[in-house]
Amino acid sequence: MHAVRCRTVLQVQEMELDKKDLERQLNELKLKFEQAERAAVEQRQVDEKKHAEEIQFLKRTNQQLKVATSLQKLLSVSLSLTFAQFFVIGSYLFFVILARTRTKSSRTSTRTMTRTCKLFSRILEDKDFP
């Protein structure tokens, strides 16, 4: 009977040690999981920021290309300008450049240039213009 009790006590002690070991492993895994989760959140934030910067870059590039295209159209048509057309366009460009240098926002000045190019395109397409 005594041997059975000793064996049972040893089994209980062994199970308690196993339990402590499993609890330690559980705590280690929880810590690793929390660290991995934090790292994933940080990486996601970095990726989102990079993506937003790329989008902004592409938007700026697109706007610049639109302005460049409009200016290129103007330059290709400018070969057939009359003096009056050339004078009006030159005067308008002077005021646009003056406004652009006074504007703090490059976004606003880019819009102004785009509008100017569109206006010139309309003027140049007008056959009745002197």
Protein backbone atom coordinates (compact mmCIF):
# COMPACT_ATOMS: atom_id res chain seq x y z
CA MET A 1 0.00 0.00 0.00
CA HIS A 2 2.83 2.32 0.89
CA ALA A 3 4.49 1.66 -2.48
CA VAL A 4 1.27 2.61 -4.28
CA ARG A 5 1.12 5.88 -2.36
CA CYS A 6 4.75 6.68 -3.17
CA ARG A 7 4.13 5.95 -6.82
CA THR A 8 1.03 8.18 -6.81
CA VAL A 9 2.91 10.99 -5.07
CA LEU A 10 5.71 10.71 -7.63
CA GLN A 11 3.21 10.80 -10.48
CA VAL A 12 1.55 13.92 -9.02
CA GLN A 13 4.94 15.62 -8.62
CA GLU A 14 5.89 14.67 -12.17
CA MET A 15 2.58 16.02 -13.50
CA GLU A 16 3.09 19.27 -11.59
CA LEU A 17 6.53 19.64 -13.18
CA ASP A 18 5.04 18.92 -16.60
CA LYS A 19 2.33 21.51 -15.91
CA LYS A 20 4.92 24.15 -14.96
CA ASP A 21 6.94 23.35 -18.08
CA LEU A 22 3.84 23.64 -20.27
CA GLU A 23 2.91 26.96 -18.63
CA ARG A 24 6.42 28.26 -19.31
CA GLN A 25 6.18 27.16 -22.97
CA LEU A 26 2.76 28.81 -23.21
CA ASN A 27 4.14 32.10 -21.88
CA GLU A 28 7.05 31.97 -24.32
CA LEU A 29 4.70 31.35 -27.24
CA LYS A 30 2.41 34.19 -26.13
CA LEU A 31 5.40 36.53 -25.99
CA LYS A 32 6.57 35.45 -29.46
CA PHE A 33 3.05 35.91 -30.82
CA GLU A 34 2.78 39.44 -29.38
CA GLN A 35 6.18 40.36 -30.82
CA ALA A 36 5.23 39.00 -34.25
CA GLU A 37 1.91 40.83 -34.11
CA ARG A 38 3.63 44.14 -33.25
CA ALA A 39 6.15 43.64 -36.03
CA ALA A 40 3.34 42.93 -38.51
CA VAL A 41 1.49 46.10 -37.49
CA GLU A 42 4.65 48.18 -37.85
CA GLN A 43 5.39 46.65 -41.27
CA ARG A 44 1.81 47.32 -42.40
CA GLN A 45 2.16 50.97 -41.35
CA VAL A 46 5.44 51.29 -43.23
CA ASP A 47 3.90 49.70 -46.33
CA GLU A 48 0.84 51.96 -46.16
CA LYS A 49 3.04 55.05 -45.84
CA LYS A 50 5.19 53.95 -48.76
CA HIS A 51 2.09 53.26 -50.85
CA ALA A 52 0.64 56.71 -50.03
CA GLU A 53 3.94 58.36 -51.00
CA GLU A 54 4.00 56.45 -54.30
CA ILE A 55 0.44 57.55 -55.04
CA GLN A 56 1.33 61.18 -54.32
CA PHE A 57 4.40 60.90 -56.55
CA LEU A 58 2.35 59.44 -59.39
CA LYS A 59 -0.30 62.14 -59.01
CA ARG A 60 2.36 64.87 -59.18
CA THR A 61 3.99 63.19 -62.16
CA ASN A 62 0.65 62.88 -63.92
CA GLN A 63 -0.12 66.56 -63.34
CA GLN A 64 3.30 67.58 -64.63
CA LEU A 65 2.84 65.43 -67.73
CA LYS A 66 -0.54 67.03 -68.38
CA VAL A 67 1.04 70.49 -68.19
CA ALA A 68 3.96 69.42 -70.38
CA THR A 69 1.58 67.95 -72.95
CA SER A 70 -0.48 71.13 -73.02
CA LEU A 71 2.65 73.23 -73.44
CA GLN A 72 3.89 70.95 -76.19
CA LYS A 73 0.60 71.38 -78.05
CA LEU A 74 0.93 75.13 -77.66
CA LEU A 75 4.47 75.12 -78.97
CA SER A 76 3.54 73.01 -81.99
CA VAL A 77 0.73 75.42 -82.86
CA SER A 78 2.79 78.53 -82.11
CA LEU A 79 4.58 78.28 -85.45
CA SER A 80 1.45 79.50 -87.21
CA LEU A 81 0.70 82.37 -84.83
CA THR A 82 -0.04 85.85 -85.99
CA PHE A 83 1.63 88.72 -84.18
CA ALA A 84 -1.58 89.57 -82.29
CA GLN A 85 -2.00 85.98 -81.10
CA PHE A 86 1.63 85.85 -80.04
CA PHE A 87 1.30 89.15 -78.15
CA VAL A 88 -1.84 88.01 -76.27
CA ILE A 89 -0.28 84.69 -75.32
CA GLY A 90 2.98 86.30 -74.23
CA SER A 91 1.16 88.84 -72.08
CA TYR A 92 -0.96 86.17 -70.48
CA LEU A 93 2.06 83.98 -69.77
CA PHE A 94 3.77 86.93 -68.12
CA PHE A 95 0.87 87.36 -65.72
CA VAL A 96 0.68 83.63 -65.05
CA ILE A 97 4.38 83.46 -64.24
CA LEU A 98 4.04 86.53 -62.04
CA ALA A 99 1.12 84.92 -60.19
CA ARG A 100 3.06 81.67 -59.86
CA THR A 101 6.03 83.35 -58.23
CA ARG A 102 3.72 84.99 -55.71
CA THR A 103 1.85 81.77 -54.94
CA LYS A 104 3.16 79.71 -52.06
CA SER A 105 1.38 76.55 -53.14
CA SER A 106 2.92 74.76 -56.11
CA ARG A 107 -0.32 72.82 -56.48
CA THR A 108 -2.20 76.06 -57.09
CA SER A 109 0.41 77.27 -59.56
CA THR A 110 0.27 73.96 -61.43
CA ARG A 111 -3.50 74.31 -61.70
CA THR A 112 -3.06 77.85 -62.97
CA MET A 113 -0.61 76.67 -65.62
CA THR A 114 -2.97 73.88 -66.67
CA ARG A 115 -5.87 76.30 -66.97
CA THR A 116 -3.69 78.70 -68.91
CA CYS A 117 -2.64 76.00 -71.34
CA LYS A 118 -6.26 74.97 -71.88
CA LEU A 119 -7.26 78.58 -72.47
CA PHE A 120 -4.47 79.05 -75.00
CA SER A 121 -5.49 75.88 -76.76
CA ARG A 122 -9.02 77.22 -77.10
CA ILE A 123 -7.74 80.59 -78.34
CA LEU A 124 -5.46 78.97 -80.90
CA GLU A 125 -8.20 76.69 -82.18
CA ASP A 126 -10.45 79.69 -82.74
CA LYS A 127 -10.22 80.58 -86.44
CA ASP A 128 -11.78 84.05 -85.99
CA PHE A 129 -9.06 85.19 -83.60
CA PRO A 130 -7.06 88.05 -85.19
